[in-house]
Every structure is written in C-alpha cells, then in structure tokens.
C-alpha atoms as a PDB file:
ATOM      1  CA  MET A   1       0.138   0.297  -0.255  1.00  0.00           C
ATOM      2  CA  THR A   2       1.440   3.311  -0.832  1.00  0.00           C
ATOM      3  CA  ARG A   3       1.507   6.520   1.401  1.00  0.00           C
ATOM      4  CA  GLU A   4      -1.256   7.975  -0.654  1.00  0.00           C
ATOM      5  CA  GLU A   5      -3.245   4.889   0.167  1.00  0.00           C
ATOM      6  CA  GLU A   6      -2.680   4.536   3.616  1.00  0.00           C
ATOM      7  CA  LEU A   7      -3.709   8.071   4.203  1.00  0.00           C
ATOM      8  CA  ALA A   8      -6.994   7.955   1.705  1.00  0.00           C
ATOM      9  CA  ALA A   9      -8.437   4.873   4.239  1.00  0.00           C
ATOM     10  CA  ASN A  10      -7.470   6.804   7.819  1.00  0.00           C
ATOM     11  CA  LEU A  11      -8.933   9.362   6.203  1.00  0.00           C
ATOM     12  CA  ARG A  12     -12.160   7.575   4.883  1.00  0.00           C
ATOM     13  CA  ASP A  13     -11.763   5.938   8.694  1.00  0.00           C
ATOM     14  CA  VAL A  14     -11.810   9.439  10.174  1.00  0.00           C
ATOM     15  CA  ARG A  15     -14.822  10.902   8.580  1.00  0.00           C
ATOM     16  CA  GLU A  16     -16.856   8.016   9.218  1.00  0.00           C
ATOM     17  CA  ARG A  17     -16.305   8.212  13.023  1.00  0.00           C
ATOM     18  CA  VAL A  18     -17.012  12.222  12.768  1.00  0.00           C
ATOM     19  CA  ALA A  19     -20.206  11.343  10.871  1.00  0.00           C
ATOM     20  CA  LEU A  20     -21.088   8.821  13.099  1.00  0.00           C
ATOM     21  CA  ALA A  21     -20.844  10.625  15.825  1.00  0.00           C
ATOM     22  CA  CYS A  22     -22.531  13.585  14.186  1.00  0.00           C
ATOM     23  CA  ARG A  23     -25.600  11.907  13.712  1.00  0.00           C
ATOM     24  CA  GLN A  24     -25.382   9.965  16.974  1.00  0.00           C
ATOM     25  CA  ALA A  25     -25.733  13.518  18.559  1.00  0.00           C
ATOM     26  CA  GLY A  26     -28.486  14.902  15.915  1.00  0.00           C
ATOM     27  CA  ARG A  27     -25.786  17.300  13.767  1.00  0.00           C
ATOM     28  CA  ASP A  28     -24.709  17.549  11.005  1.00  0.00           C
ATOM     29  CA  PRO A  29     -21.290  16.408   9.852  1.00  0.00           C
ATOM     30  CA  GLY A  30     -20.927  19.391   7.512  1.00  0.00           C
ATOM     31  CA  GLU A  31     -20.858  21.565  11.336  1.00  0.00           C
ATOM     32  CA  VAL A  32     -17.734  19.738  11.890  1.00  0.00           C
ATOM     33  CA  THR A  33     -14.177  20.752  10.432  1.00  0.00           C
ATOM     34  CA  LEU A  34     -11.298  18.170  10.901  1.00  0.00           C
ATOM     35  CA  VAL A  35      -7.778  19.753  11.051  1.00  0.00           C
ATOM     36  CA  ALA A  36      -5.090  17.031  10.217  1.00  0.00           C
ATOM     37  CA  VAL A  37      -2.187  17.439  12.715  1.00  0.00           C
ATOM     38  CA  THR A  38       0.733  16.634  11.044  1.00  0.00           C
ATOM     39  CA  LYS A  39       3.500  16.993  13.788  1.00  0.00           C
ATOM     40  CA  THR A  40       6.262  14.659  12.918  1.00  0.00           C
ATOM     41  CA  PHE A  41       4.760  13.872   9.530  1.00  0.00           C
ATOM     42  CA  PRO A  42       6.662  15.730   6.028  1.00  0.00           C
ATOM     43  CA  ALA A  43       5.462  18.125   4.003  1.00  0.00           C
ATOM     44  CA  SER A  44       5.043  15.608   1.469  1.00  0.00           C
ATOM     45  CA  ASP A  45       1.913  14.033   3.779  1.00  0.00           C
ATOM     46  CA  VAL A  46       1.005  17.922   4.170  1.00  0.00           C
ATOM     47  CA  ARG A  47       0.138  17.705   0.142  1.00  0.00           C
ATOM     48  CA  LEU A  48      -1.070  13.917  -0.223  1.00  0.00           C
ATOM     49  CA  LEU A  49      -3.937  15.055   2.361  1.00  0.00           C
ATOM     50  CA  SER A  50      -4.413  18.421   0.804  1.00  0.00           C
ATOM     51  CA  GLY A  51      -4.825  15.929  -2.555  1.00  0.00           C
ATOM     52  CA  LEU A  52      -7.405  14.151  -0.839  1.00  0.00           C
ATOM     53  CA  GLY A  53      -9.107  16.671   0.232  1.00  0.00           C
ATOM     54  CA  VAL A  54      -7.990  17.811   3.283  1.00  0.00           C
ATOM     55  CA  THR A  55      -7.961  21.868   3.672  1.00  0.00           C
ATOM     56  CA  ASP A  56      -7.073  22.143   7.380  1.00  0.00           C
ATOM     57  CA  VAL A  57      -3.999  21.618   8.923  1.00  0.00           C
ATOM     58  CA  GLY A  58      -2.429  21.717  12.252  1.00  0.00           C
ATOM     59  CA  GLU A  59       0.988  22.141  13.676  1.00  0.00           C
ATOM     60  CA  ASN A  60       2.229  22.635  17.512  1.00  0.00           C
ATOM     61  CA  ARG A  61       6.010  23.342  17.213  1.00  0.00           C
ATOM     62  CA  ASP A  62       6.885  26.268  15.563  1.00  0.00           C
ATOM     63  CA  GLN A  63      10.102  24.456  14.644  1.00  0.00           C
ATOM     64  CA  GLU A  64       8.494  22.082  12.332  1.00  0.00           C
ATOM     65  CA  ALA A  65       5.492  24.520  11.657  1.00  0.00           C
ATOM     66  CA  ALA A  66       7.392  27.242   9.792  1.00  0.00           C
ATOM     67  CA  PRO A  67       9.741  25.638   6.995  1.00  0.00           C
ATOM     68  CA  LYS A  68       6.704  23.189   6.431  1.00  0.00           C
ATOM     69  CA  ALA A  69       3.823  25.930   5.558  1.00  0.00           C
ATOM     70  CA  ALA A  70       6.947  27.581   3.671  1.00  0.00           C
ATOM     71  CA  ALA A  71       6.975  24.509   1.354  1.00  0.00           C
ATOM     72  CA  CYS A  72       3.453  23.856   0.929  1.00  0.00           C
ATOM     73  CA  GLY A  73       2.759  27.677   0.073  1.00  0.00           C
ATOM     74  CA  ASP A  74       1.209  26.527  -3.049  1.00  0.00           C
ATOM     75  CA  LEU A  75      -1.266  24.901  -2.101  1.00  0.00           C
ATOM     76  CA  PRO A  76      -4.830  26.204  -1.044  1.00  0.00           C
ATOM     77  CA  LEU A  77      -4.850  25.168   2.992  1.00  0.00           C
ATOM     78  CA  VAL A  78      -5.597  27.062   6.078  1.00  0.00           C
ATOM     79  CA  TRP A  79      -2.833  26.492   8.698  1.00  0.00           C
ATOM     80  CA  HIS A  80      -3.888  26.489  12.511  1.00  0.00           C
ATOM     81  CA  PHE A  81      -1.289  27.107  15.637  1.00  0.00           C
ATOM     82  CA  VAL A  82      -2.431  24.442  18.281  1.00  0.00           C
ATOM     83  CA  GLY A  83       0.322  23.736  20.480  1.00  0.00           C
ATOM     84  CA  ALA A  84       1.856  26.119  23.142  1.00  0.00           C
ATOM     85  CA  LEU A  85       3.206  29.312  22.155  1.00  0.00           C
ATOM     86  CA  GLN A  86       6.034  31.562  23.720  1.00  0.00           C
ATOM     87  CA  THR A  87       5.999  34.895  23.107  1.00  0.00           C
ATOM     88  CA  ASN A  88       9.341  34.654  21.386  1.00  0.00           C
ATOM     89  CA  LYS A  89       7.485  32.463  18.021  1.00  0.00           C
ATOM     90  CA  VAL A  90       4.555  34.903  17.601  1.00  0.00           C
ATOM     91  CA  ALA A  91       6.614  36.837  15.130  1.00  0.00           C
ATOM     92  CA  SER A  92       6.834  33.492  12.787  1.00  0.00           C
ATOM     93  CA  VAL A  93       3.574  31.952  13.762  1.00  0.00           C
ATOM     94  CA  VAL A  94       1.456  34.594  12.381  1.00  0.00           C
ATOM     95  CA  ARG A  95       3.421  34.708   9.327  1.00  0.00           C
ATOM     96  CA  TYR A  96       1.047  31.133   7.932  1.00  0.00           C
ATOM     97  CA  ALA A  97      -1.036  30.623  10.700  1.00  0.00           C
ATOM     98  CA  LYS A  98      -4.852  31.703  10.326  1.00  0.00           C
ATOM     99  CA  PHE A  99      -5.898  30.407  13.457  1.00  0.00           C
ATOM    100  CA  VAL A 100      -3.783  30.273  17.115  1.00  0.00           C
ATOM    101  CA  HIS A 101      -5.925  27.837  19.066  1.00  0.00           C
ATOM    102  CA  SER A 102      -3.875  27.915  22.516  1.00  0.00           C
ATOM    103  CA  VAL A 103      -4.209  31.700  23.279  1.00  0.00           C
ATOM    104  CA  ASP A 104      -4.098  31.747  27.796  1.00  0.00           C
ATOM    105  CA  ARG A 105      -2.647  34.641  28.946  1.00  0.00           C
ATOM    106  CA  PRO A 106      -2.965  38.104  28.120  1.00  0.00           C
ATOM    107  CA  ARG A 107       0.650  38.832  27.347  1.00  0.00           C
ATOM    108  CA  LEU A 108       0.431  36.340  24.383  1.00  0.00           C
ATOM    109  CA  VAL A 109      -2.614  38.518  22.931  1.00  0.00           C
ATOM    110  CA  GLU A 110      -0.607  41.761  23.166  1.00  0.00           C
ATOM    111  CA  ALA A 111       1.734  39.694  20.925  1.00  0.00           C
ATOM    112  CA  ILE A 112      -0.043  38.194  18.817  1.00  0.00           C
ATOM    113  CA  SER A 113      -1.623  41.868  17.821  1.00  0.00           C
ATOM    114  CA  ARG A 114       1.393  43.376  17.987  1.00  0.00           C
ATOM    115  CA  GLU A 115       2.638  41.427  14.692  1.00  0.00           C
ATOM    116  CA  ALA A 116      -0.756  40.856  13.338  1.00  0.00           C
ATOM    117  CA  VAL A 117      -0.894  44.528  12.979  1.00  0.00           C
ATOM    118  CA  LYS A 118       2.755  45.215  11.760  1.00  0.00           C
ATOM    119  CA  GLN A 119       2.414  41.689   8.819  1.00  0.00           C
ATOM    120  CA  GLY A 120      -1.130  43.533   7.724  1.00  0.00           C
ATOM    121  CA  ARG A 121      -2.782  40.055   9.034  1.00  0.00           C
ATOM    122  CA  GLU A 122      -6.048  38.774  11.124  1.00  0.00           C
ATOM    123  CA  VAL A 123      -5.448  35.847  13.660  1.00  0.00           C
ATOM    124  CA  THR A 124      -8.728  34.094  14.411  1.00  0.00           C
ATOM    125  CA  CYS A 125      -7.813  33.181  18.103  1.00  0.00           C
ATOM    126  CA  LEU A 126      -8.904  30.611  20.289  1.00  0.00           C
ATOM    127  CA  VAL A 127      -9.252  30.994  24.237  1.00  0.00           C
ATOM    128  CA  GLN A 128      -7.711  27.819  25.864  1.00  0.00           C
ATOM    129  CA  VAL A 129      -9.347  26.642  28.717  1.00  0.00           C
ATOM    130  CA  SER A 130      -8.079  24.447  31.282  1.00  0.00           C
ATOM    131  CA  LEU A 131     -10.304  21.204  32.095  1.00  0.00           C
ATOM    132  CA  ASP A 132      -7.875  19.784  34.568  1.00  0.00           C
ATOM    133  CA  PRO A 133      -8.790  19.610  38.070  1.00  0.00           C
ATOM    134  CA  PRO A 134      -8.204  23.169  40.446  1.00  0.00           C
ATOM    135  CA  GLY A 135      -4.152  23.012  41.167  1.00  0.00           C
ATOM    136  CA  SER A 136      -3.021  19.904  39.381  1.00  0.00           C
ATOM    137  CA  SER A 137      -0.208  20.765  36.911  1.00  0.00           C
ATOM    138  CA  GLY A 138      -1.933  19.296  33.777  1.00  0.00           C
ATOM    139  CA  ARG A 139      -1.867  20.762  30.879  1.00  0.00           C
ATOM    140  CA  SER A 140      -2.060  24.505  29.841  1.00  0.00           C
ATOM    141  CA  GLY A 141      -5.064  27.095  29.846  1.00  0.00           C
ATOM    142  CA  VAL A 142      -6.773  29.618  30.835  1.00  0.00           C
ATOM    143  CA  GLU A 143      -8.559  29.104  34.331  1.00  0.00           C
ATOM    144  CA  PRO A 144     -12.829  29.008  33.631  1.00  0.00           C
ATOM    145  CA  GLU A 145     -12.921  31.655  36.259  1.00  0.00           C
ATOM    146  CA  ASP A 146     -10.464  34.148  33.833  1.00  0.00           C
ATOM    147  CA  LEU A 147     -12.091  32.885  30.563  1.00  0.00           C
ATOM    148  CA  LEU A 148     -14.278  36.111  29.618  1.00  0.00           C
ATOM    149  CA  ALA A 149     -11.798  38.289  30.864  1.00  0.00           C
ATOM    150  CA  LEU A 150      -9.114  37.409  27.904  1.00  0.00           C
ATOM    151  CA  ALA A 151     -12.149  36.551  25.689  1.00  0.00           C
ATOM    152  CA  ASP A 152     -13.039  40.277  25.825  1.00  0.00           C
ATOM    153  CA  ARG A 153      -8.974  41.156  25.664  1.00  0.00           C
ATOM    154  CA  ILE A 154      -9.010  39.648  22.477  1.00  0.00           C
ATOM    155  CA  THR A 155     -11.737  41.325  20.642  1.00  0.00           C
ATOM    156  CA  THR A 156     -10.435  44.594  21.656  1.00  0.00           C
ATOM    157  CA  ALA A 157      -6.954  43.670  20.497  1.00  0.00           C
ATOM    158  CA  PRO A 158      -6.463  45.180  16.776  1.00  0.00           C
ATOM    159  CA  GLY A 159      -5.664  42.701  14.034  1.00  0.00           C
ATOM    160  CA  LEU A 160      -7.280  39.934  16.104  1.00  0.00           C
ATOM    161  CA  ARG A 161     -10.844  37.999  15.958  1.00  0.00           C
ATOM    162  CA  LEU A 162     -11.881  36.005  19.279  1.00  0.00           C
ATOM    163  CA  GLY A 163     -13.329  32.590  17.618  1.00  0.00           C
ATOM    164  CA  GLY A 164     -14.380  30.631  20.432  1.00  0.00           C
ATOM    165  CA  ILE A 165     -12.348  28.355  23.114  1.00  0.00           C
ATOM    166  CA  MET A 166     -10.380  25.323  23.627  1.00  0.00           C
ATOM    167  CA  ALA A 167      -9.601  23.007  25.533  1.00  0.00           C
ATOM    168  CA  VAL A 168      -7.636  18.947  25.987  1.00  0.00           C
ATOM    169  CA  ALA A 169      -9.699  16.163  28.131  1.00  0.00           C
ATOM    170  CA  PRO A 170      -8.135  15.860  31.263  1.00  0.00           C
ATOM    171  CA  LEU A 171      -5.617  12.779  31.150  1.00  0.00           C
ATOM    172  CA  GLY A 172      -6.602   9.182  32.372  1.00  0.00           C
ATOM    173  CA  ALA A 173     -10.068  10.550  33.111  1.00  0.00           C
ATOM    174  CA  ASP A 174     -13.378  10.478  31.236  1.00  0.00           C
ATOM    175  CA  PRO A 175     -13.534  13.304  28.456  1.00  0.00           C
ATOM    176  CA  ALA A 176     -17.567  13.548  28.537  1.00  0.00           C
ATOM    177  CA  PRO A 177     -17.634  15.138  31.840  1.00  0.00           C
ATOM    178  CA  ALA A 178     -14.865  17.820  30.701  1.00  0.00           C
ATOM    179  CA  PHE A 179     -16.075  18.647  27.498  1.00  0.00           C
ATOM    180  CA  GLU A 180     -19.797  19.066  28.774  1.00  0.00           C
ATOM    181  CA  ARG A 181     -18.389  21.651  31.000  1.00  0.00           C
ATOM    182  CA  LEU A 182     -16.248  23.171  27.762  1.00  0.00           C
ATOM    183  CA  ALA A 183     -19.790  23.415  25.867  1.00  0.00           C
ATOM    184  CA  GLY A 184     -21.042  25.892  29.492  1.00  0.00           C
ATOM    185  CA  TYR A 185     -17.961  27.410  28.697  1.00  0.00           C
ATOM    186  CA  ALA A 186     -18.270  28.324  25.155  1.00  0.00           C
ATOM    187  CA  GLU A 187     -22.082  28.803  25.977  1.00  0.00           C
ATOM    188  CA  LYS A 188     -21.121  31.696  28.450  1.00  0.00           C
ATOM    189  CA  VAL A 189     -18.548  33.079  25.948  1.00  0.00           C
ATOM    190  CA  ARG A 190     -21.253  33.301  23.285  1.00  0.00           C
ATOM    191  CA  THR A 191     -23.670  35.719  24.922  1.00  0.00           C
ATOM    192  CA  VAL A 192     -21.053  37.846  25.606  1.00  0.00           C
ATOM    193  CA  HIS A 193     -19.949  37.786  21.787  1.00  0.00           C
ATOM    194  CA  SER A 194     -22.572  36.074  19.741  1.00  0.00           C
ATOM    195  CA  ASP A 195     -20.235  35.379  16.869  1.00  0.00           C
ATOM    196  CA  ALA A 196     -17.418  33.189  19.030  1.00  0.00           C
ATOM    197  CA  GLY A 197     -19.106  30.210  17.817  1.00  0.00           C
ATOM    198  CA  ILE A 198     -15.628  27.659  17.576  1.00  0.00           C
ATOM    199  CA  ILE A 199     -15.221  24.764  19.813  1.00  0.00           C
ATOM    200  CA  SER A 200     -11.804  23.061  19.426  1.00  0.00           C
ATOM    201  CA  ALA A 201     -11.831  20.269  20.896  1.00  0.00           C
ATOM    202  CA  GLY A 202     -11.451  15.851  20.374  1.00  0.00           C
ATOM    203  CA  MET A 203      -9.024  14.430  19.229  1.00  0.00           C
ATOM    204  CA  SER A 204      -8.038  10.581  17.811  1.00  0.00           C
ATOM    205  CA  GLY A 205      -9.300   8.930  20.932  1.00  0.00           C
ATOM    206  CA  ASP A 206     -12.378  11.093  22.080  1.00  0.00           C
ATOM    207  CA  LEU A 207     -13.362  13.185  19.129  1.00  0.00           C
ATOM    208  CA  LYS A 208     -16.967  11.476  19.702  1.00  0.00           C
ATOM    209  CA  GLU A 209     -17.299  12.892  23.627  1.00  0.00           C
ATOM    210  CA  ALA A 210     -16.569  16.520  22.134  1.00  0.00           C
ATOM    211  CA  ILE A 211     -18.454  15.935  19.022  1.00  0.00           C
ATOM    212  CA  ALA A 212     -21.584  15.014  21.626  1.00  0.00           C
ATOM    213  CA  CYS A 213     -20.441  18.013  23.416  1.00  0.00           C
ATOM    214  CA  GLY A 214     -20.747  20.296  20.273  1.00  0.00           C
ATOM    215  CA  ALA A 215     -17.023  20.518  18.990  1.00  0.00           C
ATOM    216  CA  THR A 216     -16.587  22.932  15.744  1.00  0.00           C
ATOM    217  CA  HIS A 217     -13.289  21.513  15.390  1.00  0.00           C
ATOM    218  CA  VAL A 218     -11.601  18.573  15.930  1.00  0.00           C
ATOM    219  CA  ARG A 219      -8.160  17.648  15.767  1.00  0.00           C
ATOM    220  CA  ILE A 220      -6.912  14.434  14.679  1.00  0.00           C
ATOM    221  CA  GLY A 221      -3.239  13.238  14.149  1.00  0.00           C
ATOM    222  CA  THR A 222      -2.688  10.047  15.345  1.00  0.00           C
ATOM    223  CA  ALA A 223      -6.030   8.290  13.539  1.00  0.00           C
ATOM    224  CA  LEU A 224      -5.121   9.991  10.543  1.00  0.00           C
ATOM    225  CA  LEU A 225      -1.439   9.985   9.566  1.00  0.00           C
ATOM    226  CA  GLY A 226      -0.122   6.740  11.781  1.00  0.00           C
ATOM    227  CA  GLY A 227       2.166   6.834  15.367  1.00  0.00           C
ATOM    228  CA  ARG A 228       3.979  10.066  15.832  1.00  0.00           C
ATOM    229  CA  ARG A 229       7.601   9.160  14.721  1.00  0.00           C
ATOM    230  CA  ALA A 230      10.914  11.427  16.568  1.00  0.00           C
ATOM    231  CA  ILE A 231      11.374  14.926  16.080  1.00  0.00           C
ATOM    232  CA  VAL A 232      14.432  15.715  14.463  1.00  0.00           C
ATOM    233  CA  GLY A 233      16.505  19.117  15.694  1.00  0.00           C
END
C-alpha cells in the first residue's frame, strides 16, 4: 500500500467516525471541521492530504511548522497553530497561521496583536481553557473564571478576531464530563460574543465525546497519519 492509499483509508475512517458521532448527537457532519495535525510528519504527507481534500492543517511546534508551511505555500490550506506558544515564536507563527488555538494569557494576546498589525494579517484566536482539576499540574489553559476576561481582551486587540474556545480533555479521565463543562464555558462566551462559535475539542481518542458536546473543530493526528515519528532537531 502506498502512503497516499494509507492516508486515504485513514481519512475515510476518520470521516466515518465523525459522521457517526454527528448522527448520534443529532448534528450535521458539515458543522465539524477536521484539522489534520501533522506534527512529526513531512510536508509530503501534507501534500497528499491536500490532494485528498483536507483543507485545514494543525501544528504545535513552530520549528517544524514554519518550514512545512513554507514548503506547502502553493496549496489551498488553512494553517492552525494548536500547541503552547511562546511569545518569541509569535512573529513566525503569525506569518502562516490563520488560527491560533492556544491563547491562554494576556501577554500572548498582546504579542499576537502586535505582530498581526505589523504583518497586515488578521489572526483568529481561541482561548484555551483548562479542563484539569483546580490546582493540578496538568496541561496549559486559562482557568475557567478568567475565560471571559481573556476573551474580552482578544476582541479589543487590533488584528485579532475572537473565534471561540479550545481545550484538551484531562489525561486518564473520562473526557465526557470535561467536554460537558467546556460546552457550558462556550455558551458563556457566546452570551457576550455571539459570533465566537468555535469549540476546538476532541482528538483521535475522544472525538465522539467532543462532538456530542458541540465541538466544531476536531484535531486529529494519530488516527489520520499513524503513530508519531521522532522529531529531528
């Protein structure tokens, strides 16, 4: 089996899983955007996925994403930055990313805004909210009580658009209750910012639960591309 055939088969499986999850949730599959997370995989895979109809690509590491985006600059792709973002990488990320899913602090809002204005671009930002238990040393993300303040800050920052929210389910726990909380947080944001309708949630192992709770964007890596490869450099 060629790599293109392998990716095509994986893509069919993922799309079928998304469609089934949508049917079970009473939703239209057209409401869910598949973001192919290609970290550790080469630009050649991105090209193959584009040829198979994938339009949205996610990366979580600028050192890998920037050259990959440049190599695929001729393709009709929308690039999403989905990983933790350091302020010293913002200038590079803004050059290629239309969406930044991982905005979790005011300083990062200011840095992205400054670069978006400088580069003449508009960046859609999602507030990453923590779903981990209070006081845990889990993944990054703003605490739920600070969510609206950070969302407000994005809406007033030049060059930025508030898209909605993003989260990752807690490790080792049932994702459904966490995603149910996320749906509540999303509703709170929409009561103030009605056009901030994106909910970025769900990965290869928990896309069903995320879609059941209203996810509009699922970030799929392993189920689509296979096991992660070692990152060089």
